[in-house]
Amino acid sequence: MRKNHAPWILIGVLLVAWAGWHALGLALAVIGLGIVYVSSLRFHPRMRHRACGGSGEHHSWLFPWVHRKCGGCQGGRIVRWGARRWGAGHIVDEHSQAKAARDAARENRAWR
């Protein structure tokens, strides 16, 4: 499933639940989707960084064969938004440490 298909699939699930069982079906569908989302945060807490495409390198627009380290991630993977807040404790700690390291590097002008 592609990321841009997910909202349409979720809307379809909610509409089918509403059509079949009205408010009870809608409530059960929301609870079920919430359980699926939280379990997804536990099992798959990271995603590719969009700016670098998961490579960890930022390519020049003028000379596309040259690159530098991506300043927005460490190695191309970042912690998902939901996993930063509701994920496992070690994932929340990993995100806060990585954010502090990126902020310190930017402050020292050493992030590029």
PDB file of N, CA and C in Angstrom:
ATOM      1  N   MET A   1       0.839  -1.175   0.000  1.00  0.00           N
ATOM      2  CA  MET A   1       0.000   0.000   0.000  1.00  0.00           C
ATOM      3  C   MET A   1       0.882   1.235   0.000  1.00  0.00           C
ATOM      4  N   ARG A   2       0.576   2.188  -0.839  1.00  0.00           N
ATOM      5  CA  ARG A   2       1.324   3.433  -0.879  1.00  0.00           C
ATOM      6  C   ARG A   2       0.789   4.398   0.167  1.00  0.00           C
ATOM      7  N   LYS A   3       1.644   5.320   0.585  1.00  0.00           N
ATOM      8  CA  LYS A   3       1.277   6.244   1.660  1.00  0.00           C
ATOM      9  C   LYS A   3       0.096   7.130   1.274  1.00  0.00           C
ATOM     10  N   ASN A   4       0.008   7.518   0.009  1.00  0.00           N
ATOM     11  CA  ASN A   4      -1.085   8.404  -0.384  1.00  0.00           C
ATOM     12  C   ASN A   4      -2.408   7.662  -0.564  1.00  0.00           C
ATOM     13  N   HIS A   5      -2.405   6.323  -0.529  1.00  0.00           N
ATOM     14  CA  HIS A   5      -3.648   5.557  -0.592  1.00  0.00           C
ATOM     15  C   HIS A   5      -4.270   5.362   0.779  1.00  0.00           C
ATOM     16  N   ALA A   6      -3.505   5.507   1.839  1.00  0.00           N
ATOM     17  CA  ALA A   6      -3.980   5.216   3.193  1.00  0.00           C
ATOM     18  C   ALA A   6      -5.219   6.024   3.598  1.00  0.00           C
ATOM     19  N   PRO A   7      -5.280   7.340   3.364  1.00  0.00           N
ATOM     20  CA  PRO A   7      -6.492   8.070   3.785  1.00  0.00           C
ATOM     21  C   PRO A   7      -7.756   7.567   3.088  1.00  0.00           C
ATOM     22  N   TRP A   8      -7.653   7.200   1.825  1.00  0.00           N
ATOM     23  CA  TRP A   8      -8.831   6.722   1.098  1.00  0.00           C
ATOM     24  C   TRP A   8      -9.288   5.364   1.624  1.00  0.00           C
ATOM     25  N   ILE A   9      -8.343   4.517   1.965  1.00  0.00           N
ATOM     26  CA  ILE A   9      -8.699   3.212   2.526  1.00  0.00           C
ATOM     27  C   ILE A   9      -9.356   3.385   3.891  1.00  0.00           C
ATOM     28  N   LEU A  10      -8.817   4.288   4.715  1.00  0.00           N
ATOM     29  CA  LEU A  10      -9.411   4.537   6.037  1.00  0.00           C
ATOM     30  C   LEU A  10     -10.826   5.096   5.911  1.00  0.00           C
ATOM     31  N   ILE A  11     -11.025   6.021   4.978  1.00  0.00           N
ATOM     32  CA  ILE A  11     -12.369   6.576   4.761  1.00  0.00           C
ATOM     33  C   ILE A  11     -13.325   5.479   4.301  1.00  0.00           C
ATOM     34  N   GLY A  12     -12.857   4.597   3.416  1.00  0.00           N
ATOM     35  CA  GLY A  12     -13.686   3.479   2.963  1.00  0.00           C
ATOM     36  C   GLY A  12     -14.074   2.556   4.102  1.00  0.00           C
ATOM     37  N   VAL A  13     -13.132   2.229   4.979  1.00  0.00           N
ATOM     38  CA  VAL A  13     -13.426   1.369   6.128  1.00  0.00           C
ATOM     39  C   VAL A  13     -14.473   2.028   7.029  1.00  0.00           C
ATOM     40  N   LEU A  14     -14.323   3.309   7.288  1.00  0.00           N
ATOM     41  CA  LEU A  14     -15.281   4.005   8.149  1.00  0.00           C
ATOM     42  C   LEU A  14     -16.662   4.091   7.506  1.00  0.00           C
ATOM     43  N   LEU A  15     -16.730   4.326   6.187  1.00  0.00           N
ATOM     44  CA  LEU A  15     -18.028   4.381   5.515  1.00  0.00           C
ATOM     45  C   LEU A  15     -18.730   3.025   5.508  1.00  0.00           C
ATOM     46  N   VAL A  16     -17.973   1.961   5.269  1.00  0.00           N
ATOM     47  CA  VAL A  16     -18.569   0.626   5.302  1.00  0.00           C
ATOM     48  C   VAL A  16     -19.064   0.301   6.714  1.00  0.00           C
ATOM     49  N   ALA A  17     -18.289   0.661   7.729  1.00  0.00           N
ATOM     50  CA  ALA A  17     -18.705   0.419   9.112  1.00  0.00           C
ATOM     51  C   ALA A  17     -19.970   1.205   9.435  1.00  0.00           C
ATOM     52  N   TRP A  18     -20.053   2.449   8.978  1.00  0.00           N
ATOM     53  CA  TRP A  18     -21.238   3.260   9.231  1.00  0.00           C
ATOM     54  C   TRP A  18     -22.446   2.696   8.484  1.00  0.00           C
ATOM     55  N   ALA A  19     -22.243   2.289   7.239  1.00  0.00           N
ATOM     56  CA  ALA A  19     -23.351   1.762   6.446  1.00  0.00           C
ATOM     57  C   ALA A  19     -23.871   0.446   7.020  1.00  0.00           C
ATOM     58  N   GLY A  20     -22.986  -0.369   7.577  1.00  0.00           N
ATOM     59  CA  GLY A  20     -23.398  -1.675   8.081  1.00  0.00           C
ATOM     60  C   GLY A  20     -24.022  -1.631   9.461  1.00  0.00           C
ATOM     61  N   TRP A  21     -23.415  -0.877  10.365  1.00  0.00           N
ATOM     62  CA  TRP A  21     -23.875  -0.941  11.767  1.00  0.00           C
ATOM     63  C   TRP A  21     -24.023   0.431  12.414  1.00  0.00           C
ATOM     64  N   HIS A  22     -24.063   1.474  11.659  1.00  0.00           N
ATOM     65  CA  HIS A  22     -24.254   2.853  12.116  1.00  0.00           C
ATOM     66  C   HIS A  22     -23.245   3.246  13.191  1.00  0.00           C
ATOM     67  N   ALA A  23     -23.683   3.798  14.301  1.00  0.00           N
ATOM     68  CA  ALA A  23     -22.769   4.354  15.307  1.00  0.00           C
ATOM     69  C   ALA A  23     -21.915   3.270  15.963  1.00  0.00           C
ATOM     70  N   LEU A  24     -22.487   2.118  16.226  1.00  0.00           N
ATOM     71  CA  LEU A  24     -21.716   1.034  16.833  1.00  0.00           C
ATOM     72  C   LEU A  24     -20.613   0.565  15.891  1.00  0.00           C
ATOM     73  N   GLY A  25     -20.934   0.399  14.633  1.00  0.00           N
ATOM     74  CA  GLY A  25     -19.925  -0.008  13.654  1.00  0.00           C
ATOM     75  C   GLY A  25     -18.835   1.023  13.501  1.00  0.00           C
ATOM     76  N   LEU A  26     -19.210   2.305  13.495  1.00  0.00           N
ATOM     77  CA  LEU A  26     -18.232   3.376  13.396  1.00  0.00           C
ATOM     78  C   LEU A  26     -17.310   3.383  14.615  1.00  0.00           C
ATOM     79  N   ALA A  27     -17.874   3.204  15.802  1.00  0.00           N
ATOM     80  CA  ALA A  27     -17.054   3.177  17.021  1.00  0.00           C
ATOM     81  C   ALA A  27     -16.102   1.980  17.014  1.00  0.00           C
ATOM     82  N   LEU A  28     -16.600   0.812  16.613  1.00  0.00           N
ATOM     83  CA  LEU A  28     -15.736  -0.368  16.555  1.00  0.00           C
ATOM     84  C   LEU A  28     -14.630  -0.201  15.509  1.00  0.00           C
ATOM     85  N   ALA A  29     -14.964   0.422  14.386  1.00  0.00           N
ATOM     86  CA  ALA A  29     -13.954   0.648  13.345  1.00  0.00           C
ATOM     87  C   ALA A  29     -12.880   1.607  13.835  1.00  0.00           C
ATOM     88  N   VAL A  30     -13.265   2.669  14.524  1.00  0.00           N
ATOM     89  CA  VAL A  30     -12.286   3.627  15.050  1.00  0.00           C
ATOM     90  C   VAL A  30     -11.386   2.957  16.086  1.00  0.00           C
ATOM     91  N   ILE A  31     -11.970   2.161  16.960  1.00  0.00           N
ATOM     92  CA  ILE A  31     -11.172   1.439  17.960  1.00  0.00           C
ATOM     93  C   ILE A  31     -10.220   0.459  17.278  1.00  0.00           C
ATOM     94  N   GLY A  32     -10.718  -0.268  16.299  1.00  0.00           N
ATOM     95  CA  GLY A  32      -9.879  -1.220  15.568  1.00  0.00           C
ATOM     96  C   GLY A  32      -8.745  -0.541  14.826  1.00  0.00           C
ATOM     97  N   LEU A  33      -9.042   0.567  14.161  1.00  0.00           N
ATOM     98  CA  LEU A  33      -7.991   1.301  13.447  1.00  0.00           C
ATOM     99  C   LEU A  33      -6.969   1.885  14.423  1.00  0.00           C
ATOM    100  N   GLY A  34      -7.420   2.313  15.599  1.00  0.00           N
ATOM    101  CA  GLY A  34      -6.492   2.814  16.618  1.00  0.00           C
ATOM    102  C   GLY A  34      -5.548   1.731  17.104  1.00  0.00           C
ATOM    103  N   ILE A  35      -6.075   0.532  17.300  1.00  0.00           N
ATOM    104  CA  ILE A  35      -5.237  -0.590  17.727  1.00  0.00           C
ATOM    105  C   ILE A  35      -4.213  -0.935  16.650  1.00  0.00           C
ATOM    106  N   VAL A  36      -4.642  -0.925  15.391  1.00  0.00           N
ATOM    107  CA  VAL A  36      -3.720  -1.209  14.286  1.00  0.00           C
ATOM    108  C   VAL A  36      -2.626  -0.146  14.213  1.00  0.00           C
ATOM    109  N   TYR A  37      -2.990   1.136  14.395  1.00  0.00           N
ATOM    110  CA  TYR A  37      -2.015   2.224  14.326  1.00  0.00           C
ATOM    111  C   TYR A  37      -0.983   2.115  15.453  1.00  0.00           C
ATOM    112  N   VAL A  38      -1.440   1.884  16.669  1.00  0.00           N
ATOM    113  CA  VAL A  38      -0.520   1.785  17.807  1.00  0.00           C
ATOM    114  C   VAL A  38       0.398   0.572  17.655  1.00  0.00           C
ATOM    115  N   SER A  39      -0.135  -0.552  17.182  1.00  0.00           N
ATOM    116  CA  SER A  39       0.736  -1.716  16.973  1.00  0.00           C
ATOM    117  C   SER A  39       1.727  -1.456  15.840  1.00  0.00           C
ATOM    118  N   SER A  40       1.327  -0.695  14.827  1.00  0.00           N
ATOM    119  CA  SER A  40       2.251  -0.325  13.753  1.00  0.00           C
ATOM    120  C   SER A  40       3.379   0.555  14.292  1.00  0.00           C
ATOM    121  N   LEU A  41       3.068   1.444  15.230  1.00  0.00           N
ATOM    122  CA  LEU A  41       4.104   2.284  15.841  1.00  0.00           C
ATOM    123  C   LEU A  41       5.101   1.439  16.623  1.00  0.00           C
ATOM    124  N   ARG A  42       4.624   0.374  17.247  1.00  0.00           N
ATOM    125  CA  ARG A  42       5.508  -0.498  18.019  1.00  0.00           C
ATOM    126  C   ARG A  42       6.414  -1.325  17.120  1.00  0.00           C
ATOM    127  N   PHE A  43       5.856  -1.877  16.046  1.00  0.00           N
ATOM    128  CA  PHE A  43       6.619  -2.780  15.186  1.00  0.00           C
ATOM    129  C   PHE A  43       7.460  -2.061  14.131  1.00  0.00           C
ATOM    130  N   HIS A  44       7.013  -0.894  13.668  1.00  0.00           N
ATOM    131  CA  HIS A  44       7.709  -0.154  12.606  1.00  0.00           C
ATOM    132  C   HIS A  44       7.820   1.324  12.989  1.00  0.00           C
ATOM    133  N   PRO A  45       8.729   1.678  13.923  1.00  0.00           N
ATOM    134  CA  PRO A  45       8.786   3.051  14.415  1.00  0.00           C
ATOM    135  C   PRO A  45       9.533   4.029  13.511  1.00  0.00           C
ATOM    136  N   ARG A  46      10.240   3.555  12.493  1.00  0.00           N
ATOM    137  CA  ARG A  46      11.033   4.460  11.656  1.00  0.00           C
ATOM    138  C   ARG A  46      10.503   4.490  10.228  1.00  0.00           C
ATOM    139  N   MET A  47      10.830   5.588   9.525  1.00  0.00           N
ATOM    140  CA  MET A  47      10.488   5.720   8.114  1.00  0.00           C
ATOM    141  C   MET A  47      11.625   6.436   7.400  1.00  0.00           C
ATOM    142  N   ARG A  48      11.581   6.418   6.076  1.00  0.00           N
ATOM    143  CA  ARG A  48      12.608   7.103   5.292  1.00  0.00           C
ATOM    144  C   ARG A  48      12.433   8.604   5.417  1.00  0.00           C
ATOM    145  N   HIS A  49      13.556   9.308   5.456  1.00  0.00           N
ATOM    146  CA  HIS A  49      13.522  10.759   5.468  1.00  0.00           C
ATOM    147  C   HIS A  49      13.154  11.237   4.075  1.00  0.00           C
ATOM    148  N   ARG A  50      12.149  12.068   3.983  1.00  0.00           N
ATOM    149  CA  ARG A  50      11.623  12.473   2.679  1.00  0.00           C
ATOM    150  C   ARG A  50      12.618  13.314   1.881  1.00  0.00           C
ATOM    151  N   ALA A  51      13.338  14.205   2.532  1.00  0.00           N
ATOM    152  CA  ALA A  51      14.217  15.126   1.809  1.00  0.00           C
ATOM    153  C   ALA A  51      15.360  14.412   1.091  1.00  0.00           C
ATOM    154  N   CYS A  52      15.912  13.388   1.709  1.00  0.00           N
ATOM    155  CA  CYS A  52      17.045  12.679   1.099  1.00  0.00           C
ATOM    156  C   CYS A  52      16.637  11.343   0.504  1.00  0.00           C
ATOM    157  N   GLY A  53      15.377  10.954   0.629  1.00  0.00           N
ATOM    158  CA  GLY A  53      14.906   9.695   0.083  1.00  0.00           C
ATOM    159  C   GLY A  53      15.432   8.484   0.815  1.00  0.00           C
ATOM    160  N   GLY A  54      15.904   8.655   2.035  1.00  0.00           N
ATOM    161  CA  GLY A  54      16.413   7.544   2.821  1.00  0.00           C
ATOM    162  C   GLY A  54      17.875   7.227   2.581  1.00  0.00           C
ATOM    163  N   SER A  55      18.562   8.045   1.799  1.00  0.00           N
ATOM    164  CA  SER A  55      19.973   7.762   1.516  1.00  0.00           C
ATOM    165  C   SER A  55      20.915   8.390   2.542  1.00  0.00           C
ATOM    166  N   GLY A  56      20.468   9.421   3.241  1.00  0.00           N
ATOM    167  CA  GLY A  56      21.330  10.125   4.191  1.00  0.00           C
ATOM    168  C   GLY A  56      22.234  11.136   3.520  1.00  0.00           C
ATOM    169  N   GLU A  57      22.036  11.338   2.211  1.00  0.00           N
ATOM    170  CA  GLU A  57      22.866  12.277   1.449  1.00  0.00           C
ATOM    171  C   GLU A  57      21.983  13.317   0.773  1.00  0.00           C
ATOM    172  N   HIS A  58      22.453  14.553   0.769  1.00  0.00           N
ATOM    173  CA  HIS A  58      21.762  15.643   0.090  1.00  0.00           C
ATOM    174  C   HIS A  58      22.565  15.986  -1.157  1.00  0.00           C
ATOM    175  N   HIS A  59      21.957  15.873  -2.330  1.00  0.00           N
ATOM    176  CA  HIS A  59      22.660  16.107  -3.585  1.00  0.00           C
ATOM    177  C   HIS A  59      22.532  17.555  -4.021  1.00  0.00           C
ATOM    178  N   SER A  60      23.552  18.047  -4.674  1.00  0.00           N
ATOM    179  CA  SER A  60      23.594  19.413  -5.178  1.00  0.00           C
ATOM    180  C   SER A  60      22.673  19.551  -6.383  1.00  0.00           C
ATOM    181  N   TRP A  61      22.028  20.693  -6.524  1.00  0.00           N
ATOM    182  CA  TRP A  61      21.175  20.920  -7.688  1.00  0.00           C
ATOM    183  C   TRP A  61      22.006  21.262  -8.909  1.00  0.00           C
ATOM    184  N   LEU A  62      23.179  21.833  -8.704  1.00  0.00           N
ATOM    185  CA  LEU A  62      24.018  22.243  -9.828  1.00  0.00           C
ATOM    186  C   LEU A  62      24.881  21.091 -10.336  1.00  0.00           C
ATOM    187  N   PHE A  63      25.506  20.367  -9.420  1.00  0.00           N
ATOM    188  CA  PHE A  63      26.329  19.212  -9.766  1.00  0.00           C
ATOM    189  C   PHE A  63      25.730  17.994  -9.075  1.00  0.00           C
ATOM    190  N   PRO A  64      24.847  17.252  -9.739  1.00  0.00           N
ATOM    191  CA  PRO A  64      24.126  16.171  -9.064  1.00  0.00           C
ATOM    192  C   PRO A  64      24.986  14.989  -8.640  1.00  0.00           C
ATOM    193  N   TRP A  65      26.231  14.919  -9.062  1.00  0.00           N
ATOM    194  CA  TRP A  65      27.087  13.800  -8.655  1.00  0.00           C
ATOM    195  C   TRP A  65      27.822  14.078  -7.342  1.00  0.00           C
ATOM    196  N   VAL A  66      27.702  15.290  -6.808  1.00  0.00           N
ATOM    197  CA  VAL A  66      28.320  15.602  -5.515  1.00  0.00           C
ATOM    198  C   VAL A  66      27.232  15.611  -4.441  1.00  0.00           C
ATOM    199  N   HIS A  67      27.619  15.340  -3.217  1.00  0.00           N
ATOM    200  CA  HIS A  67      26.634  15.281  -2.135  1.00  0.00           C
ATOM    201  C   HIS A  67      27.296  15.640  -0.814  1.00  0.00           C
ATOM    202  N   ARG A  68      26.416  15.914   0.152  1.00  0.00           N
ATOM    203  CA  ARG A  68      26.851  16.155   1.528  1.00  0.00           C
ATOM    204  C   ARG A  68      25.925  15.372   2.437  1.00  0.00           C
ATOM    205  N   LYS A  69      26.279  15.311   3.706  1.00  0.00           N
ATOM    206  CA  LYS A  69      25.447  14.620   4.687  1.00  0.00           C
ATOM    207  C   LYS A  69      24.128  15.370   4.850  1.00  0.00           C
ATOM    208  N   CYS A  70      23.037  14.649   4.892  1.00  0.00           N
ATOM    209  CA  CYS A  70      21.722  15.258   5.070  1.00  0.00           C
ATOM    210  C   CYS A  70      21.630  15.828   6.483  1.00  0.00           C
ATOM    211  N   GLY A  71      21.232  17.076   6.602  1.00  0.00           N
ATOM    212  CA  GLY A  71      21.147  17.719   7.905  1.00  0.00           C
ATOM    213  C   GLY A  71      19.883  17.392   8.676  1.00  0.00           C
ATOM    214  N   GLY A  72      18.903  16.773   8.031  1.00  0.00           N
ATOM    215  CA  GLY A  72      17.636  16.498   8.691  1.00  0.00           C
ATOM    216  C   GLY A  72      17.519  15.111   9.287  1.00  0.00           C
ATOM    217  N   CYS A  73      18.499  14.247   9.018  1.00  0.00           N
ATOM    218  CA  CYS A  73      18.408  12.875   9.527  1.00  0.00           C
ATOM    219  C   CYS A  73      19.817  12.360   9.813  1.00  0.00           C
ATOM    220  N   GLN A  74      19.868  11.165  10.345  1.00  0.00           N
ATOM    221  CA  GLN A  74      21.152  10.502  10.586  1.00  0.00           C
ATOM    222  C   GLN A  74      21.100   9.156   9.879  1.00  0.00           C
ATOM    223  N   GLY A  75      21.576   9.132   8.669  1.00  0.00           N
ATOM    224  CA  GLY A  75      21.618   7.881   7.932  1.00  0.00           C
ATOM    225  C   GLY A  75      20.386   7.583   7.111  1.00  0.00           C
ATOM    226  N   GLY A  76      19.462   8.514   6.980  1.00  0.00           N
ATOM    227  CA  GLY A  76      18.323   8.319   6.099  1.00  0.00           C
ATOM    228  C   GLY A  76      17.031   7.886   6.759  1.00  0.00           C
ATOM    229  N   ARG A  77      17.061   7.466   8.015  1.00  0.00           N
ATOM    230  CA  ARG A  77      15.845   7.024   8.696  1.00  0.00           C
ATOM    231  C   ARG A  77      15.511   7.980   9.828  1.00  0.00           C
ATOM    232  N   ILE A  78      14.230   8.265   9.985  1.00  0.00           N
ATOM    233  CA  ILE A  78      13.775   9.110  11.080  1.00  0.00           C
ATOM    234  C   ILE A  78      12.658   8.376  11.817  1.00  0.00           C
ATOM    235  N   VAL A  79      12.403   8.787  13.034  1.00  0.00           N
ATOM    236  CA  VAL A  79      11.350   8.186  13.860  1.00  0.00           C
ATOM    237  C   VAL A  79      10.013   8.806  13.452  1.00  0.00           C
ATOM    238  N   ARG A  80       9.007   7.973  13.267  1.00  0.00           N
ATOM    239  CA  ARG A  80       7.681   8.439  12.865  1.00  0.00           C
ATOM    240  C   ARG A  80       7.087   9.386  13.907  1.00  0.00           C
ATOM    241  N   TRP A  81       6.168  10.245  13.468  1.00  0.00           N
ATOM    242  CA  TRP A  81       5.556  11.245  14.334  1.00  0.00           C
ATOM    243  C   TRP A  81       4.859  10.586  15.522  1.00  0.00           C
ATOM    244  N   GLY A  82       4.058   9.575  15.291  1.00  0.00           N
ATOM    245  CA  GLY A  82       3.335   8.914  16.378  1.00  0.00           C
ATOM    246  C   GLY A  82       4.262   8.165  17.313  1.00  0.00           C
ATOM    247  N   ALA A  83       5.333   7.573  16.764  1.00  0.00           N
ATOM    248  CA  ALA A  83       6.279   6.828  17.601  1.00  0.00           C
ATOM    249  C   ALA A  83       7.070   7.764  18.502  1.00  0.00           C
ATOM    250  N   ARG A  84       7.236   9.015  18.094  1.00  0.00           N
ATOM    251  CA  ARG A  84       7.918  10.004  18.956  1.00  0.00           C
ATOM    252  C   ARG A  84       7.114  10.273  20.213  1.00  0.00           C
ATOM    253  N   ARG A  85       5.800  10.182  20.105  1.00  0.00           N
ATOM    254  CA  ARG A  85       4.935  10.527  21.229  1.00  0.00           C
ATOM    255  C   ARG A  85       4.417   9.315  21.999  1.00  0.00           C
ATOM    256  N   TRP A  86       3.974   8.276  21.281  1.00  0.00           N
ATOM    257  CA  TRP A  86       3.317   7.148  21.927  1.00  0.00           C
ATOM    258  C   TRP A  86       4.064   5.840  21.747  1.00  0.00           C
ATOM    259  N   GLY A  87       5.255   5.876  21.199  1.00  0.00           N
ATOM    260  CA  GLY A  87       5.998   4.645  20.946  1.00  0.00           C
ATOM    261  C   GLY A  87       6.671   4.098  22.194  1.00  0.00           C
ATOM    262  N   ALA A  88       7.487   3.092  21.973  1.00  0.00           N
ATOM    263  CA  ALA A  88       8.234   2.476  23.072  1.00  0.00           C
ATOM    264  C   ALA A  88       9.215   3.488  23.666  1.00  0.00           C
ATOM    265  N   GLY A  89       9.566   3.288  24.919  1.00  0.00           N
ATOM    266  CA  GLY A  89      10.434   4.236  25.621  1.00  0.00           C
ATOM    267  C   GLY A  89      11.780   4.441  24.957  1.00  0.00           C
ATOM    268  N   HIS A  90      12.387   3.365  24.454  1.00  0.00           N
ATOM    269  CA  HIS A  90      13.699   3.517  23.823  1.00  0.00           C
ATOM    270  C   HIS A  90      13.609   4.288  22.505  1.00  0.00           C
ATOM    271  N   ILE A  91      12.469   4.234  21.815  1.00  0.00           N
ATOM    272  CA  ILE A  91      12.293   4.998  20.577  1.00  0.00           C
ATOM    273  C   ILE A  91      12.125   6.484  20.892  1.00  0.00           C
ATOM    274  N   VAL A  92      11.359   6.796  21.927  1.00  0.00           N
ATOM    275  CA  VAL A  92      11.180   8.198  22.343  1.00  0.00           C
ATOM    276  C   VAL A  92      12.526   8.785  22.760  1.00  0.00           C
ATOM    277  N   ASP A  93      13.317   8.017  23.517  1.00  0.00           N
ATOM    278  CA  ASP A  93      14.650   8.471  23.932  1.00  0.00           C
ATOM    279  C   ASP A  93      15.571   8.653  22.726  1.00  0.00           C
ATOM    280  N   GLU A  94      15.506   7.721  21.777  1.00  0.00           N
ATOM    281  CA  GLU A  94      16.336   7.833  20.569  1.00  0.00           C
ATOM    282  C   GLU A  94      16.024   9.109  19.809  1.00  0.00           C
ATOM    283  N   HIS A  95      14.734   9.430  19.672  1.00  0.00           N
ATOM    284  CA  HIS A  95      14.346  10.646  18.956  1.00  0.00           C
ATOM    285  C   HIS A  95      14.838  11.897  19.687  1.00  0.00           C
ATOM    286  N   SER A  96      14.661  11.944  21.004  1.00  0.00           N
ATOM    287  CA  SER A  96      15.076  13.139  21.741  1.00  0.00           C
ATOM    288  C   SER A  96      16.593  13.318  21.689  1.00  0.00           C
ATOM    289  N   GLN A  97      17.354  12.231  21.740  1.00  0.00           N
ATOM    290  CA  GLN A  97      18.813  12.339  21.649  1.00  0.00           C
ATOM    291  C   GLN A  97      19.247  12.777  20.256  1.00  0.00           C
ATOM    292  N   ALA A  98      18.611  12.241  19.218  1.00  0.00           N
ATOM    293  CA  ALA A  98      18.959  12.634  17.850  1.00  0.00           C
ATOM    294  C   ALA A  98      18.605  14.094  17.599  1.00  0.00           C
ATOM    295  N   LYS A  99      17.466  14.545  18.119  1.00  0.00           N
ATOM    296  CA  LYS A  99      17.070  15.946  17.948  1.00  0.00           C
ATOM    297  C   LYS A  99      18.038  16.871  18.673  1.00  0.00           C
ATOM    298  N   ALA A 100      18.442  16.498  19.879  1.00  0.00           N
ATOM    299  CA  ALA A 100      19.405  17.314  20.623  1.00  0.00           C
ATOM    300  C   ALA A 100      20.745  17.369  19.893  1.00  0.00           C
ATOM    301  N   ALA A 101      21.180  16.261  19.309  1.00  0.00           N
ATOM    302  CA  ALA A 101      22.445  16.237  18.574  1.00  0.00           C
ATOM    303  C   ALA A 101      22.364  17.104  17.328  1.00  0.00           C
ATOM    304  N   ARG A 102      21.231  17.050  16.592  1.00  0.00           N
ATOM    305  CA  ARG A 102      21.070  17.894  15.400  1.00  0.00           C
ATOM    306  C   ARG A 102      21.043  19.370  15.766  1.00  0.00           C
ATOM    307  N   ASP A 103      20.328  19.706  16.846  1.00  0.00           N
ATOM    308  CA  ASP A 103      20.261  21.101  17.279  1.00  0.00           C
ATOM    309  C   ASP A 103      21.623  21.627  17.715  1.00  0.00           C
ATOM    310  N   ALA A 104      22.392  20.804  18.437  1.00  0.00           N
ATOM    311  CA  ALA A 104      23.731  21.215  18.868  1.00  0.00           C
ATOM    312  C   ALA A 104      24.652  21.393  17.670  1.00  0.00           C
ATOM    313  N   ALA A 105      24.548  20.512  16.677  1.00  0.00           N
ATOM    314  CA  ALA A 105      25.391  20.638  15.490  1.00  0.00           C
ATOM    315  C   ALA A 105      25.030  21.892  14.705  1.00  0.00           C
ATOM    316  N   ARG A 106      23.754  22.212  14.612  1.00  0.00           N
ATOM    317  CA  ARG A 106      23.350  23.436  13.907  1.00  0.00           C
ATOM    318  C   ARG A 106      23.830  24.677  14.660  1.00  0.00           C
ATOM    319  N   GLU A 107      23.750  24.615  15.974  1.00  0.00           N
ATOM    320  CA  GLU A 107      24.195  25.759  16.775  1.00  0.00           C
ATOM    321  C   GLU A 107      25.693  26.004  16.605  1.00  0.00           C
ATOM    322  N   ASN A 108      26.458  24.922  16.474  1.00  0.00           N
ATOM    323  CA  ASN A 108      27.896  25.040  16.274  1.00  0.00           C
ATOM    324  C   ASN A 108      28.276  25.177  14.801  1.00  0.00           C
ATOM    325  N   ARG A 109      27.284  25.230  13.940  1.00  0.00           N
ATOM    326  CA  ARG A 109      27.479  25.329  12.479  1.00  0.00           C
ATOM    327  C   ARG A 109      28.322  24.180  11.951  1.00  0.00           C
ATOM    328  N   ALA A 110      28.066  22.990  12.467  1.00  0.00           N
ATOM    329  CA  ALA A 110      28.821  21.811  12.056  1.00  0.00           C
ATOM    330  C   ALA A 110      27.913  20.747  11.450  1.00  0.00           C
ATOM    331  N   TRP A 111      26.699  21.115  11.056  1.00  0.00           N
ATOM    332  CA  TRP A 111      25.755  20.103  10.594  1.00  0.00           C
ATOM    333  C   TRP A 111      25.872  19.821   9.116  1.00  0.00           C
ATOM    334  N   ARG A 112      26.631  20.600   8.372  1.00  0.00           N
ATOM    335  CA  ARG A 112      26.771  20.344   6.932  1.00  0.00           C
ATOM    336  C   ARG A 112      28.058  19.675   6.647  1.00  0.00           C
TER     337      ARG A 112
END
